[in-house]
């Protein structure tokens, strides 16, 4: 990242089955500039996954779901 480049925070969330059997609780994992979280939802039948990361302004189409998934995958590749 270039010195002085604007930094923004991006958020991404999705839901899925509660394979970890989280019971009204959640898990957090963070490294500098990135946070991942899982929490139970809908009476513990689902999990909400959230990803928060800092970046310089990204050139992307906010309507392009595949592109959003690729960005999050790229940002978290090799983390943890």
PDB file of N, CA and C in Angstrom:
ATOM      1  N   UNK A   1       0.844  -1.168   0.000  1.00  0.00           N
ATOM      2  CA  UNK A   1       0.000   0.000   0.000  1.00  0.00           C
ATOM      3  C   UNK A   1       0.893   1.235   0.000  1.00  0.00           C
ATOM      4  N   UNK A   2       0.529   2.209  -0.773  1.00  0.00           N
ATOM      5  CA  UNK A   2       1.309   3.428  -0.871  1.00  0.00           C
ATOM      6  C   UNK A   2       1.092   4.297   0.363  1.00  0.00           C
ATOM      7  N   UNK A   3       2.163   4.936   0.814  1.00  0.00           N
ATOM      8  CA  UNK A   3       2.048   5.855   1.940  1.00  0.00           C
ATOM      9  C   UNK A   3       1.077   6.973   1.571  1.00  0.00           C
ATOM     10  N   UNK A   4       0.191   7.277   2.483  1.00  0.00           N
ATOM     11  CA  UNK A   4      -0.762   8.353   2.251  1.00  0.00           C
ATOM     12  C   UNK A   4      -2.002   7.938   1.472  1.00  0.00           C
ATOM     13  N   UNK A   5      -2.073   6.666   1.022  1.00  0.00           N
ATOM     14  CA  UNK A   5      -3.264   6.204   0.310  1.00  0.00           C
ATOM     15  C   UNK A   5      -4.442   6.160   1.278  1.00  0.00           C
ATOM     16  N   UNK A   6      -5.642   6.553   0.840  1.00  0.00           N
ATOM     17  CA  UNK A   6      -6.792   6.529   1.737  1.00  0.00           C
ATOM     18  C   UNK A   6      -7.092   5.098   2.187  1.00  0.00           C
ATOM     19  N   UNK A   7      -7.396   4.934   3.477  1.00  0.00           N
ATOM     20  CA  UNK A   7      -7.774   3.622   4.000  1.00  0.00           C
ATOM     21  C   UNK A   7      -9.251   3.653   4.343  1.00  0.00           C
ATOM     22  N   UNK A   8      -9.919   2.596   3.987  1.00  0.00           N
ATOM     23  CA  UNK A   8     -11.335   2.454   4.304  1.00  0.00           C
ATOM     24  C   UNK A   8     -11.541   1.095   4.957  1.00  0.00           C
ATOM     25  N   UNK A   9     -12.677   0.925   5.590  1.00  0.00           N
ATOM     26  CA  UNK A   9     -13.023  -0.344   6.221  1.00  0.00           C
ATOM     27  C   UNK A   9     -14.136  -0.997   5.416  1.00  0.00           C
ATOM     28  N   UNK A  10     -13.955  -2.263   5.105  1.00  0.00           N
ATOM     29  CA  UNK A  10     -14.957  -3.048   4.383  1.00  0.00           C
ATOM     30  C   UNK A  10     -15.546  -4.091   5.308  1.00  0.00           C
ATOM     31  N   UNK A  11     -16.837  -4.379   5.131  1.00  0.00           N
ATOM     32  CA  UNK A  11     -17.562  -5.362   5.916  1.00  0.00           C
ATOM     33  C   UNK A  11     -18.215  -6.363   4.970  1.00  0.00           C
ATOM     34  N   UNK A  12     -18.169  -7.633   5.334  1.00  0.00           N
ATOM     35  CA  UNK A  12     -18.858  -8.671   4.557  1.00  0.00           C
ATOM     36  C   UNK A  12     -19.492  -9.650   5.537  1.00  0.00           C
ATOM     37  N   UNK A  13     -20.755  -9.987   5.324  1.00  0.00           N
ATOM     38  CA  UNK A  13     -21.466 -10.907   6.205  1.00  0.00           C
ATOM     39  C   UNK A  13     -22.236 -11.914   5.375  1.00  0.00           C
ATOM     40  N   UNK A  14     -22.355 -13.133   5.899  1.00  0.00           N
ATOM     41  CA  UNK A  14     -23.220 -14.139   5.289  1.00  0.00           C
ATOM     42  C   UNK A  14     -23.660 -15.113   6.356  1.00  0.00           C
ATOM     43  N   UNK A  15     -24.686 -15.887   6.045  1.00  0.00           N
ATOM     44  CA  UNK A  15     -25.170 -16.871   7.005  1.00  0.00           C
ATOM     45  C   UNK A  15     -25.070 -18.277   6.416  1.00  0.00           C
ATOM     46  N   UNK A  16     -25.135 -19.254   7.300  1.00  0.00           N
ATOM     47  CA  UNK A  16     -25.070 -20.651   6.894  1.00  0.00           C
ATOM     48  C   UNK A  16     -25.470 -21.535   8.057  1.00  0.00           C
ATOM     49  N   UNK A  17     -25.393 -22.847   7.870  1.00  0.00           N
ATOM     50  CA  UNK A  17     -25.756 -23.773   8.947  1.00  0.00           C
ATOM     51  C   UNK A  17     -24.799 -23.645  10.134  1.00  0.00           C
ATOM     52  N   UNK A  18     -25.281 -23.963  11.319  1.00  0.00           N
ATOM     53  CA  UNK A  18     -24.493 -23.876  12.543  1.00  0.00           C
ATOM     54  C   UNK A  18     -23.744 -25.193  12.777  1.00  0.00           C
ATOM     55  N   UNK A  19     -22.761 -25.485  11.931  1.00  0.00           N
ATOM     56  CA  UNK A  19     -22.000 -26.740  12.027  1.00  0.00           C
ATOM     57  C   UNK A  19     -21.157 -26.815  13.299  1.00  0.00           C
ATOM     58  N   UNK A  20     -20.823 -25.680  13.895  1.00  0.00           N
ATOM     59  CA  UNK A  20     -20.020 -25.675  15.118  1.00  0.00           C
ATOM     60  C   UNK A  20     -20.880 -25.774  16.376  1.00  0.00           C
ATOM     61  N   UNK A  21     -22.198 -25.839  16.192  1.00  0.00           N
ATOM     62  CA  UNK A  21     -23.136 -25.914  17.314  1.00  0.00           C
ATOM     63  C   UNK A  21     -22.920 -24.781  18.324  1.00  0.00           C
ATOM     64  N   UNK A  22     -22.705 -23.585  17.816  1.00  0.00           N
ATOM     65  CA  UNK A  22     -22.596 -22.425  18.689  1.00  0.00           C
ATOM     66  C   UNK A  22     -23.929 -22.208  19.390  1.00  0.00           C
ATOM     67  N   UNK A  23     -23.908 -21.960  20.675  1.00  0.00           N
ATOM     68  CA  UNK A  23     -25.122 -21.831  21.473  1.00  0.00           C
ATOM     69  C   UNK A  23     -25.175 -20.435  22.095  1.00  0.00           C
ATOM     70  N   UNK A  24     -25.835 -19.504  21.393  1.00  0.00           N
ATOM     71  CA  UNK A  24     -25.949 -18.124  21.847  1.00  0.00           C
ATOM     72  C   UNK A  24     -24.574 -17.535  22.181  1.00  0.00           C
ATOM     73  N   UNK A  25     -23.621 -17.798  21.319  1.00  0.00           N
ATOM     74  CA  UNK A  25     -22.255 -17.330  21.540  1.00  0.00           C
ATOM     75  C   UNK A  25     -21.587 -17.050  20.205  1.00  0.00           C
ATOM     76  N   UNK A  26     -20.340 -16.646  20.257  1.00  0.00           N
ATOM     77  CA  UNK A  26     -19.619 -16.366  19.026  1.00  0.00           C
ATOM     78  C   UNK A  26     -18.128 -16.560  19.198  1.00  0.00           C
ATOM     79  N   UNK A  27     -17.415 -16.498  18.091  1.00  0.00           N
ATOM     80  CA  UNK A  27     -15.967 -16.635  18.065  1.00  0.00           C
ATOM     81  C   UNK A  27     -15.396 -15.469  17.269  1.00  0.00           C
ATOM     82  N   UNK A  28     -14.246 -14.966  17.698  1.00  0.00           N
ATOM     83  CA  UNK A  28     -13.565 -13.891  16.992  1.00  0.00           C
ATOM     84  C   UNK A  28     -12.129 -14.302  16.707  1.00  0.00           C
ATOM     85  N   UNK A  29     -11.616 -13.858  15.563  1.00  0.00           N
ATOM     86  CA  UNK A  29     -10.211 -14.054  15.222  1.00  0.00           C
ATOM     87  C   UNK A  29      -9.748 -12.771  14.554  1.00  0.00           C
ATOM     88  N   UNK A  30      -8.632 -12.220  15.027  1.00  0.00           N
ATOM     89  CA  UNK A  30      -8.153 -11.019  14.348  1.00  0.00           C
ATOM     90  C   UNK A  30      -6.641 -10.997  14.247  1.00  0.00           C
ATOM     91  N   UNK A  31      -6.200 -10.340  13.212  1.00  0.00           N
ATOM     92  CA  UNK A  31      -4.811 -10.009  12.956  1.00  0.00           C
ATOM     93  C   UNK A  31      -4.838  -8.531  12.563  1.00  0.00           C
ATOM     94  N   UNK A  32      -3.716  -7.847  12.576  1.00  0.00           N
ATOM     95  CA  UNK A  32      -3.748  -6.425  12.237  1.00  0.00           C
ATOM     96  C   UNK A  32      -4.471  -6.137  10.909  1.00  0.00           C
ATOM     97  N   UNK A  33      -5.487  -5.305  10.991  1.00  0.00           N
ATOM     98  CA  UNK A  33      -6.228  -4.895   9.804  1.00  0.00           C
ATOM     99  C   UNK A  33      -7.330  -5.838   9.362  1.00  0.00           C
ATOM    100  N   UNK A  34      -7.533  -6.968  10.106  1.00  0.00           N
ATOM    101  CA  UNK A  34      -8.551  -7.954   9.706  1.00  0.00           C
ATOM    102  C   UNK A  34      -9.211  -8.558  10.931  1.00  0.00           C
ATOM    103  N   UNK A  35     -10.516  -8.791  10.834  1.00  0.00           N
ATOM    104  CA  UNK A  35     -11.273  -9.454  11.881  1.00  0.00           C
ATOM    105  C   UNK A  35     -12.236 -10.434  11.220  1.00  0.00           C
ATOM    106  N   UNK A  36     -12.318 -11.635  11.758  1.00  0.00           N
ATOM    107  CA  UNK A  36     -13.317 -12.616  11.314  1.00  0.00           C
ATOM    108  C   UNK A  36     -14.118 -13.029  12.544  1.00  0.00           C
ATOM    109  N   UNK A  37     -15.415 -13.204  12.366  1.00  0.00           N
ATOM    110  CA  UNK A  37     -16.248 -13.593  13.491  1.00  0.00           C
ATOM    111  C   UNK A  37     -17.318 -14.577  13.044  1.00  0.00           C
ATOM    112  N   UNK A  38     -17.680 -15.457  13.951  1.00  0.00           N
ATOM    113  CA  UNK A  38     -18.805 -16.371  13.775  1.00  0.00           C
ATOM    114  C   UNK A  38     -19.703 -16.217  14.988  1.00  0.00           C
ATOM    115  N   UNK A  39     -21.008 -16.216  14.785  1.00  0.00           N
ATOM    116  CA  UNK A  39     -21.924 -16.172  15.920  1.00  0.00           C
ATOM    117  C   UNK A  39     -23.186 -16.949  15.579  1.00  0.00           C
ATOM    118  N   UNK A  40     -23.816 -17.464  16.619  1.00  0.00           N
ATOM    119  CA  UNK A  40     -25.049 -18.218  16.419  1.00  0.00           C
ATOM    120  C   UNK A  40     -26.193 -17.252  16.107  1.00  0.00           C
ATOM    121  N   UNK A  41     -27.179 -17.770  15.400  1.00  0.00           N
ATOM    122  CA  UNK A  41     -28.336 -16.957  15.026  1.00  0.00           C
ATOM    123  C   UNK A  41     -29.557 -17.855  14.886  1.00  0.00           C
ATOM    124  N   UNK A  42     -30.702 -17.243  14.862  1.00  0.00           N
ATOM    125  CA  UNK A  42     -31.979 -17.944  14.653  1.00  0.00           C
ATOM    126  C   UNK A  42     -32.104 -19.168  15.554  1.00  0.00           C
ATOM    127  N   UNK A  43     -32.068 -18.880  16.861  1.00  0.00           N
ATOM    128  CA  UNK A  43     -32.179 -19.943  17.871  1.00  0.00           C
ATOM    129  C   UNK A  43     -31.150 -21.046  17.658  1.00  0.00           C
ATOM    130  N   UNK A  44     -29.948 -20.643  17.289  1.00  0.00           N
ATOM    131  CA  UNK A  44     -28.791 -21.538  17.121  1.00  0.00           C
ATOM    132  C   UNK A  44     -28.880 -22.463  15.911  1.00  0.00           C
ATOM    133  N   UNK A  45     -29.800 -22.228  14.999  1.00  0.00           N
ATOM    134  CA  UNK A  45     -29.899 -23.070  13.803  1.00  0.00           C
ATOM    135  C   UNK A  45     -28.993 -22.579  12.685  1.00  0.00           C
ATOM    136  N   UNK A  46     -28.535 -21.331  12.779  1.00  0.00           N
ATOM    137  CA  UNK A  46     -27.679 -20.752  11.749  1.00  0.00           C
ATOM    138  C   UNK A  46     -26.456 -20.104  12.385  1.00  0.00           C
ATOM    139  N   UNK A  47     -25.473 -19.859  11.547  1.00  0.00           N
ATOM    140  CA  UNK A  47     -24.285 -19.116  11.932  1.00  0.00           C
ATOM    141  C   UNK A  47     -24.183 -17.892  11.035  1.00  0.00           C
ATOM    142  N   UNK A  48     -23.855 -16.767  11.643  1.00  0.00           N
ATOM    143  CA  UNK A  48     -23.553 -15.555  10.884  1.00  0.00           C
ATOM    144  C   UNK A  48     -22.031 -15.405  10.878  1.00  0.00           C
ATOM    145  N   UNK A  49     -21.464 -15.295   9.708  1.00  0.00           N
ATOM    146  CA  UNK A  49     -20.021 -15.076   9.570  1.00  0.00           C
ATOM    147  C   UNK A  49     -19.814 -13.638   9.128  1.00  0.00           C
ATOM    148  N   UNK A  50     -18.872 -12.979   9.755  1.00  0.00           N
ATOM    149  CA  UNK A  50     -18.573 -11.600   9.403  1.00  0.00           C
ATOM    150  C   UNK A  50     -17.084 -11.408   9.181  1.00  0.00           C
ATOM    151  N   UNK A  51     -16.758 -10.575   8.231  1.00  0.00           N
ATOM    152  CA  UNK A  51     -15.369 -10.264   7.902  1.00  0.00           C
ATOM    153  C   UNK A  51     -15.234  -8.755   7.807  1.00  0.00           C
ATOM    154  N   UNK A  52     -14.275  -8.203   8.517  1.00  0.00           N
ATOM    155  CA  UNK A  52     -14.015  -6.766   8.521  1.00  0.00           C
ATOM    156  C   UNK A  52     -12.541  -6.583   8.191  1.00  0.00           C
ATOM    157  N   UNK A  53     -12.252  -5.725   7.235  1.00  0.00           N
ATOM    158  CA  UNK A  53     -10.844  -5.503   6.892  1.00  0.00           C
ATOM    159  C   UNK A  53     -10.622  -4.082   6.408  1.00  0.00           C
ATOM    160  N   UNK A  54      -9.404  -3.611   6.646  1.00  0.00           N
ATOM    161  CA  UNK A  54      -8.995  -2.290   6.196  1.00  0.00           C
ATOM    162  C   UNK A  54      -8.233  -2.434   4.887  1.00  0.00           C
ATOM    163  N   UNK A  55      -8.430  -1.494   4.010  1.00  0.00           N
ATOM    164  CA  UNK A  55      -7.778  -1.541   2.706  1.00  0.00           C
ATOM    165  C   UNK A  55      -7.761  -0.136   2.120  1.00  0.00           C
ATOM    166  N   UNK A  56      -6.947   0.044   1.098  1.00  0.00           N
ATOM    167  CA  UNK A  56      -7.117   1.262   0.329  1.00  0.00           C
ATOM    168  C   UNK A  56      -8.405   1.078  -0.468  1.00  0.00           C
ATOM    169  N   UNK A  57      -8.930   2.142  -0.991  1.00  0.00           N
ATOM    170  CA  UNK A  57     -10.181   2.106  -1.733  1.00  0.00           C
ATOM    171  C   UNK A  57     -10.085   1.111  -2.877  1.00  0.00           C
ATOM    172  N   UNK A  58     -11.021   0.163  -2.910  1.00  0.00           N
ATOM    173  CA  UNK A  58     -11.027  -0.875  -3.938  1.00  0.00           C
ATOM    174  C   UNK A  58     -11.901  -0.460  -5.117  1.00  0.00           C
ATOM    175  N   UNK A  59     -11.464  -0.768  -6.309  1.00  0.00           N
ATOM    176  CA  UNK A  59     -12.248  -0.522  -7.515  1.00  0.00           C
ATOM    177  C   UNK A  59     -13.072  -1.778  -7.762  1.00  0.00           C
ATOM    178  N   UNK A  60     -14.349  -1.739  -7.373  1.00  0.00           N
ATOM    179  CA  UNK A  60     -15.199  -2.921  -7.517  1.00  0.00           C
ATOM    180  C   UNK A  60     -16.643  -2.499  -7.760  1.00  0.00           C
ATOM    181  N   UNK A  61     -17.434  -3.445  -8.246  1.00  0.00           N
ATOM    182  CA  UNK A  61     -18.861  -3.240  -8.471  1.00  0.00           C
ATOM    183  C   UNK A  61     -19.598  -3.832  -7.274  1.00  0.00           C
ATOM    184  N   UNK A  62     -20.182  -2.989  -6.431  1.00  0.00           N
ATOM    185  CA  UNK A  62     -20.835  -3.468  -5.214  1.00  0.00           C
ATOM    186  C   UNK A  62     -22.011  -4.413  -5.504  1.00  0.00           C
ATOM    187  N   UNK A  63     -22.478  -4.470  -6.741  1.00  0.00           N
ATOM    188  CA  UNK A  63     -23.572  -5.379  -7.103  1.00  0.00           C
ATOM    189  C   UNK A  63     -23.074  -6.747  -7.547  1.00  0.00           C
ATOM    190  N   UNK A  64     -21.781  -6.910  -7.738  1.00  0.00           N
ATOM    191  CA  UNK A  64     -21.198  -8.146  -8.251  1.00  0.00           C
ATOM    192  C   UNK A  64     -20.810  -9.062  -7.086  1.00  0.00           C
ATOM    193  N   UNK A  65     -21.698  -9.997  -6.760  1.00  0.00           N
ATOM    194  CA  UNK A  65     -21.495 -10.889  -5.617  1.00  0.00           C
ATOM    195  C   UNK A  65     -20.240 -11.745  -5.796  1.00  0.00           C
ATOM    196  N   UNK A  66     -20.015 -12.271  -7.001  1.00  0.00           N
ATOM    197  CA  UNK A  66     -18.822 -13.091  -7.242  1.00  0.00           C
ATOM    198  C   UNK A  66     -17.548 -12.282  -6.980  1.00  0.00           C
ATOM    199  N   UNK A  67     -17.525 -11.045  -7.423  1.00  0.00           N
ATOM    200  CA  UNK A  67     -16.368 -10.188  -7.198  1.00  0.00           C
ATOM    201  C   UNK A  67     -16.177  -9.928  -5.696  1.00  0.00           C
ATOM    202  N   UNK A  68     -17.269  -9.715  -4.969  1.00  0.00           N
ATOM    203  CA  UNK A  68     -17.174  -9.510  -3.528  1.00  0.00           C
ATOM    204  C   UNK A  68     -16.568 -10.735  -2.848  1.00  0.00           C
ATOM    205  N   UNK A  69     -17.024 -11.915  -3.239  1.00  0.00           N
ATOM    206  CA  UNK A  69     -16.485 -13.153  -2.661  1.00  0.00           C
ATOM    207  C   UNK A  69     -15.001 -13.304  -2.979  1.00  0.00           C
ATOM    208  N   UNK A  70     -14.626 -12.977  -4.192  1.00  0.00           N
ATOM    209  CA  UNK A  70     -13.210 -13.064  -4.594  1.00  0.00           C
ATOM    210  C   UNK A  70     -12.345 -12.084  -3.776  1.00  0.00           C
ATOM    211  N   UNK A  71     -12.871 -10.896  -3.515  1.00  0.00           N
ATOM    212  CA  UNK A  71     -12.119  -9.912  -2.735  1.00  0.00           C
ATOM    213  C   UNK A  71     -11.896 -10.440  -1.317  1.00  0.00           C
ATOM    214  N   UNK A  72     -12.954 -10.915  -0.668  1.00  0.00           N
ATOM    215  CA  UNK A  72     -12.822 -11.419   0.698  1.00  0.00           C
ATOM    216  C   UNK A  72     -11.888 -12.631   0.731  1.00  0.00           C
ATOM    217  N   UNK A  73     -12.020 -13.530  -0.226  1.00  0.00           N
ATOM    218  CA  UNK A  73     -11.136 -14.698  -0.284  1.00  0.00           C
ATOM    219  C   UNK A  73      -9.686 -14.267  -0.437  1.00  0.00           C
ATOM    220  N   UNK A  74      -9.432 -13.302  -1.293  1.00  0.00           N
ATOM    221  CA  UNK A  74      -8.070 -12.819  -1.498  1.00  0.00           C
ATOM    222  C   UNK A  74      -7.502 -12.142  -0.258  1.00  0.00           C
ATOM    223  N   UNK A  75      -8.319 -11.344   0.410  1.00  0.00           N
ATOM    224  CA  UNK A  75      -7.852 -10.626   1.598  1.00  0.00           C
ATOM    225  C   UNK A  75      -7.496 -11.604   2.720  1.00  0.00           C
ATOM    226  N   UNK A  76      -8.278 -12.666   2.865  1.00  0.00           N
ATOM    227  CA  UNK A  76      -8.067 -13.608   3.970  1.00  0.00           C
ATOM    228  C   UNK A  76      -7.234 -14.811   3.585  1.00  0.00           C
ATOM    229  N   UNK A  77      -6.802 -14.906   2.351  1.00  0.00           N
ATOM    230  CA  UNK A  77      -5.957 -16.015   1.918  1.00  0.00           C
ATOM    231  C   UNK A  77      -4.675 -16.046   2.751  1.00  0.00           C
ATOM    232  N   UNK A  78      -4.379 -17.190   3.333  1.00  0.00           N
ATOM    233  CA  UNK A  78      -3.163 -17.360   4.116  1.00  0.00           C
ATOM    234  C   UNK A  78      -3.245 -16.856   5.544  1.00  0.00           C
ATOM    235  N   UNK A  79      -4.403 -16.331   5.969  1.00  0.00           N
ATOM    236  CA  UNK A  79      -4.571 -15.851   7.343  1.00  0.00           C
ATOM    237  C   UNK A  79      -5.042 -17.016   8.197  1.00  0.00           C
ATOM    238  N   UNK A  80      -4.394 -17.195   9.317  1.00  0.00           N
ATOM    239  CA  UNK A  80      -4.812 -18.213  10.291  1.00  0.00           C
ATOM    240  C   UNK A  80      -4.437 -19.562   9.876  1.00  0.00           C
TER     241      UNK A  80
END
